[in-house]
Each structure stands twice: as structure tokens, then as C-alpha cells.
Amino acid sequence: MRSRNETLRTLRAGGAECCVWLALGSPPLAEFALEAGAASVVFDLQHGLWERGSLEAAIGMVRTAATPLVRVAENSPFAIGSALDAGAHGVLVPMVGSATEAAAAVAAAHYPPRGIRSGGGVRPLANFPEYLRFAASEILVSIMIETVAAAEDVEAIVAVNGIDLVFIGSGDLALSIDAAGRKDISLDALVARILTAAVRAKVPCGIFTSSAAQAQARIAQG
């Protein structure tokens, strides 16, 4: 395991990082991501095909060379704690709709007294005192803004202490606009609002892209 989270340091220094997002549940793909030069890899447990065994194997392949991150299935202590126990250096928590839910995600990612994470896991227990030192400062907590309601409450959400990254789930955000029948807003306007709130709160902001050109455009946007 790396002794520090390089992705977290890049973000805190104001830099940008592009990651490889893996959903197919195949550990060799994680190895291919490293060969492609990925600095961080996201394993998608919400919509992907990863099971615990394949996730553990894939994280083992990348964790000494890149930052392993997991999009967890839900905002719960079990989902967040399990991902971190598997060796993830950070979590992306989906469908965070309020400051209260954001605070719950932060608490689930940290051990007492800061949070409520349970101690355990094969990798952490290999050297738990060392892991405790790592976890105290190197775990990345990202909350995902994916609904109109969350976007319109984003100023309160990003003010929650312990959020390291705000990640815009643009696909679900667009679905939420349609579901609410909101003709008075657009996806671009909500994305801009989230970015503005994150910048003002000095919290890094990310968004999913499907091409290198889109990624470059979002980096230029901030």
C-alpha cells in the first residue's frame, strides 16, 4: 500500500486528475488501466459487475501504483466500510441529497472519534496501527450530486466538514430534471451552480466524461 493518497494531494493542491472508471468486474482490466498510465482507478460497485473477491484482487493489482477508489452501492456504513476494508483509498458516495446525508457519508468513512467506521478487514488488519495512521489523513471522501433537490441545496452540502471532492452525476441529474418536469432549469445551469458552490467552498469538483475531449473541456472549465 502507498503511504499516502496521491490523488488527494493532487486535488488539495488545486490540480486536476483524470481517472479510469471500471465497471465490468474483471481484475485484468485494472492491470490494463495501469499500463495506460492511470493515476487513479474507480471501481463501480453501484452499477458495475464487481463482487467482493474480484474487487479485492483488482485493488491488490493497483494499490501500489495508482489510487484505488470505489463508487459504493449506497450511502451506508456497511457499503462504505466494506469498500475501504477491501483496500480502497477513497469512496464516491452516490445520491447524496442533503447536508445530513453528506455528513453521514463522512462519518462512515472514518474511525472513531471522528466517525463511526468499524475496525476490520483483511488488509487493514495486516498492520492495523499503520493503517490507522493512514486512514486518519489519507482517505478520500467524495459525495455525488445527482438530483435537482441536491443541486439546489448544494451550498449547504459542500459546507459539510470532511468532504474532499464533489462529484457531479450528470446522467442521473438529467433524469432528475426530466422526472421533476422542471422547464425552468437546464443541466448546464445546475452543473454550473454545483461547480460555483464547490469553488467557493474550496472543495474540488469532478464530473463523469466519456471521451478525452470532454475531459479536457471539463478541466478547462474548472
Protein backbone atom coordinates (compact mmCIF):
# COMPACT_ATOMS: atom_id res chain seq x y z
CA MET A 1 0.00 0.00 0.00
CA ARG A 2 1.15 3.52 -0.71
CA SER A 3 1.94 5.52 2.39
CA ARG A 4 -0.14 8.44 1.17
CA ASN A 5 -3.03 9.21 -1.16
CA GLU A 6 -1.52 10.96 -4.18
CA THR A 7 -4.92 11.74 -5.70
CA LEU A 8 -5.98 13.52 -2.53
CA ARG A 9 -2.81 15.58 -2.60
CA THR A 10 -3.30 16.49 -6.25
CA LEU A 11 -6.82 17.72 -5.58
CA ARG A 12 -5.87 19.65 -2.45
CA ALA A 13 -3.11 21.37 -4.39
CA GLY A 14 -5.64 22.56 -6.96
CA GLY A 15 -4.62 20.10 -9.66
CA ALA A 16 -6.78 18.02 -11.96
CA GLU A 17 -6.73 14.25 -12.26
CA CYS A 18 -8.34 12.01 -14.84
CA CYS A 19 -9.17 8.50 -13.67
CA VAL A 20 -10.10 5.26 -15.38
CA TRP A 21 -13.61 4.08 -14.46
CA LEU A 22 -14.09 0.30 -14.41
CA ALA A 23 -17.48 -1.44 -14.31
CA LEU A 24 -17.05 -4.88 -15.91
CA GLY A 25 -15.74 -6.65 -12.80
CA SER A 26 -12.61 -8.02 -14.46
CA PRO A 27 -9.37 -7.66 -12.44
CA PRO A 28 -7.12 -7.79 -15.55
CA LEU A 29 -8.77 -4.57 -16.73
CA ALA A 30 -7.30 -2.87 -13.68
CA GLU A 31 -3.86 -4.00 -14.77
CA PHE A 32 -4.52 -2.65 -18.27
CA ALA A 33 -5.52 0.68 -16.71
CA LEU A 34 -2.09 0.88 -15.08
CA GLU A 35 -0.42 0.10 -18.39
CA ALA A 36 -2.37 3.02 -19.86
CA GLY A 37 -0.88 5.29 -17.20
CA ALA A 38 -3.88 5.76 -14.92
CA ALA A 39 -3.08 7.70 -11.76
CA SER A 40 -6.34 6.56 -10.15
CA VAL A 41 -8.90 3.87 -10.85
CA VAL A 42 -12.58 3.89 -9.87
CA PHE A 43 -14.25 0.53 -9.31
CA ASP A 44 -18.00 0.90 -9.76
CA LEU A 45 -20.00 -1.12 -7.22
CA GLN A 46 -23.22 0.81 -7.81
CA HIS A 47 -23.78 -0.10 -11.45
CA GLY A 48 -20.81 -2.34 -12.15
CA LEU A 49 -20.26 -6.11 -12.00
CA TRP A 50 -17.72 -6.18 -9.19
CA GLU A 51 -18.04 -8.76 -6.43
CA ARG A 52 -16.02 -8.72 -3.21
CA GLY A 53 -13.43 -11.24 -4.38
CA SER A 54 -12.81 -9.61 -7.75
CA LEU A 55 -12.70 -6.18 -6.13
CA GLU A 56 -10.10 -7.29 -3.59
CA ALA A 57 -7.99 -8.81 -6.38
CA ALA A 58 -8.21 -5.73 -8.59
CA ILE A 59 -7.37 -3.32 -5.78
CA GLY A 60 -4.38 -5.51 -4.94
CA MET A 61 -3.14 -5.03 -8.51
CA VAL A 62 -3.27 -1.24 -8.49
CA ARG A 63 -2.83 0.00 -4.92
CA THR A 64 0.95 0.33 -5.01
CA ALA A 65 0.99 2.21 -8.34
CA ALA A 66 -2.30 4.14 -8.52
CA THR A 67 -5.06 5.33 -6.21
CA PRO A 68 -7.86 2.76 -5.92
CA LEU A 69 -11.26 4.41 -5.46
CA VAL A 70 -14.68 2.77 -5.19
CA ARG A 71 -18.08 4.11 -6.11
CA VAL A 72 -20.07 2.36 -3.42
CA ALA A 73 -23.54 0.95 -3.98
CA GLU A 74 -25.21 3.21 -1.42
CA ASN A 75 -24.63 5.73 1.34
CA SER A 76 -24.41 3.32 4.26
CA PRO A 77 -21.75 2.42 6.85
CA PHE A 78 -21.64 -1.15 5.52
CA ALA A 79 -21.13 -0.18 1.87
CA ILE A 80 -18.54 2.48 2.65
CA GLY A 81 -16.71 0.45 5.28
CA SER A 82 -16.58 -2.66 3.07
CA ALA A 83 -15.01 -0.74 0.20
CA LEU A 84 -12.36 0.74 2.46
CA ASP A 85 -11.71 -2.62 4.12
CA ALA A 86 -11.03 -4.01 0.64
CA GLY A 87 -8.19 -1.52 0.30
CA ALA A 88 -9.81 1.46 -1.42
CA HIS A 89 -8.14 4.76 -0.65
CA GLY A 90 -11.39 6.62 -1.14
CA VAL A 91 -15.07 6.32 -1.87
CA LEU A 92 -17.52 8.05 -4.18
CA VAL A 93 -20.90 8.04 -2.46
CA PRO A 94 -23.92 8.20 -4.80
CA MET A 95 -27.21 10.05 -4.47
CA VAL A 96 -26.27 12.36 -1.61
CA GLY A 97 -29.28 14.62 -1.26
CA SER A 98 -28.63 16.79 1.78
CA ALA A 99 -26.02 18.07 4.20
CA THR A 100 -27.19 15.45 6.70
CA GLU A 101 -26.58 12.65 4.22
CA ALA A 102 -23.18 14.13 3.32
CA ALA A 103 -22.19 14.20 6.99
CA ALA A 104 -23.29 10.56 7.33
CA ALA A 105 -21.02 9.58 4.42
CA VAL A 106 -18.05 11.34 6.00
CA ALA A 107 -18.72 9.64 9.35
CA ALA A 108 -18.97 6.20 7.75
CA ALA A 109 -15.55 6.64 6.14
CA HIS A 110 -13.66 7.46 9.34
CA TYR A 111 -12.91 5.63 12.55
CA PRO A 112 -13.98 6.97 15.96
CA PRO A 113 -13.79 9.53 17.38
CA ARG A 114 -14.12 11.31 14.02
CA GLY A 115 -16.61 8.85 12.58
CA ILE A 116 -18.34 5.50 13.05
CA ARG A 117 -16.35 3.14 10.80
CA SER A 118 -15.89 -0.34 12.25
CA GLY A 119 -12.37 -1.73 12.54
CA GLY A 120 -11.71 -4.82 10.46
CA GLY A 121 -10.86 -6.12 7.02
CA VAL A 122 -8.03 -8.39 5.91
CA ARG A 123 -5.86 -5.61 4.51
CA PRO A 124 -6.28 -3.10 7.35
CA LEU A 125 -5.65 -5.76 9.99
CA ALA A 126 -2.37 -6.83 8.37
CA ASN A 127 -0.85 -3.86 10.23
CA PHE A 128 -3.69 -2.04 11.93
CA PRO A 129 -1.63 0.62 13.78
CA GLU A 130 -0.02 1.66 10.48
CA TYR A 131 -3.39 1.58 8.72
CA LEU A 132 -4.97 3.75 11.42
CA ARG A 133 -2.35 6.41 10.75
CA PHE A 134 -3.02 6.16 7.01
CA ALA A 135 -6.81 6.27 7.38
CA ALA A 136 -6.71 9.33 9.64
CA SER A 137 -5.44 11.58 6.85
CA GLU A 138 -5.40 9.74 3.53
CA ILE A 139 -8.97 8.51 2.92
CA LEU A 140 -10.75 10.50 0.19
CA VAL A 141 -14.47 11.08 0.65
CA SER A 142 -16.38 12.19 -2.43
CA ILE A 143 -20.10 12.83 -2.44
CA MET A 144 -22.10 12.68 -5.65
CA ILE A 145 -24.70 15.33 -6.52
CA GLU A 146 -27.26 13.66 -8.78
CA THR A 147 -30.68 15.23 -8.21
CA VAL A 148 -32.29 18.61 -8.69
CA ALA A 149 -33.02 18.83 -4.96
CA ALA A 150 -29.38 18.18 -4.09
CA ALA A 151 -28.15 20.68 -6.68
CA GLU A 152 -30.45 23.34 -5.27
CA ASP A 153 -29.13 22.62 -1.77
CA VAL A 154 -25.51 22.28 -2.85
CA GLU A 155 -24.27 25.29 -0.88
CA ALA A 156 -25.25 23.59 2.39
CA ILE A 157 -23.90 20.23 1.25
CA VAL A 158 -20.42 21.46 0.31
CA ALA A 159 -20.15 23.24 3.67
CA VAL A 160 -20.03 19.85 5.45
CA ASN A 161 -16.64 19.29 7.02
CA GLY A 162 -14.71 16.32 5.64
CA ILE A 163 -15.84 16.35 2.01
CA ASP A 164 -12.77 16.04 -0.20
CA LEU A 165 -14.48 16.05 -3.58
CA VAL A 166 -17.89 16.90 -5.02
CA PHE A 167 -18.66 14.69 -8.00
CA ILE A 168 -21.46 15.59 -10.40
CA GLY A 169 -23.51 12.62 -11.60
CA SER A 170 -24.69 14.28 -14.78
CA GLY A 171 -26.67 11.30 -16.07
CA ASP A 172 -28.91 10.98 -13.03
CA LEU A 173 -29.05 14.74 -12.70
CA ALA A 174 -30.51 14.98 -16.20
CA LEU A 175 -33.02 12.23 -15.36
CA SER A 176 -34.00 14.12 -12.22
CA ILE A 177 -34.73 17.27 -14.22
CA ASP A 178 -36.99 15.32 -16.57
CA ALA A 179 -38.70 13.49 -13.70
CA ALA A 180 -39.44 16.75 -11.92
CA GLY A 181 -40.80 18.30 -15.11
CA ARG A 182 -38.61 21.34 -14.49
CA LYS A 183 -38.71 23.53 -17.58
CA ASP A 184 -37.14 26.43 -15.72
CA ILE A 185 -33.70 24.84 -15.37
CA SER A 186 -31.14 23.10 -17.55
CA LEU A 187 -28.43 20.53 -16.90
CA ASP A 188 -25.74 23.06 -17.79
CA ALA A 189 -27.15 25.56 -15.31
CA LEU A 190 -27.19 23.03 -12.48
CA VAL A 191 -23.66 21.86 -13.30
CA ALA A 192 -22.51 25.48 -13.22
CA ARG A 193 -24.23 26.04 -9.87
CA ILE A 194 -22.59 22.97 -8.33
CA LEU A 195 -19.17 23.99 -9.65
CA THR A 196 -19.57 27.54 -8.35
CA ALA A 197 -20.59 26.33 -4.90
CA ALA A 198 -17.68 23.91 -4.77
CA VAL A 199 -15.17 26.56 -5.81
CA ARG A 200 -16.48 29.00 -3.20
CA ALA A 201 -16.23 26.30 -0.52
CA LYS A 202 -12.73 25.37 -1.76
CA VAL A 203 -13.81 21.80 -2.44
CA PRO A 204 -12.57 20.16 -5.67
CA CYS A 205 -15.26 19.26 -8.19
CA GLY A 206 -15.39 16.37 -10.66
CA ILE A 207 -17.74 15.09 -13.34
CA PHE A 208 -18.06 11.96 -15.47
CA THR A 209 -16.87 12.23 -19.07
CA SER A 210 -16.96 9.72 -21.89
CA SER A 211 -14.04 10.94 -24.01
CA ALA A 212 -10.65 12.60 -23.72
CA ALA A 213 -12.03 15.69 -25.44
CA GLN A 214 -14.83 16.00 -22.88
CA ALA A 215 -12.34 15.54 -20.07
CA GLN A 216 -10.11 18.31 -21.38
CA ALA A 217 -13.10 20.61 -21.74
CA ARG A 218 -14.22 19.96 -18.14
CA ILE A 219 -10.68 20.53 -16.86
CA ALA A 220 -10.63 23.87 -18.64
CA GLN A 221 -14.00 24.67 -17.04
CA GLY A 222 -12.52 24.06 -13.60
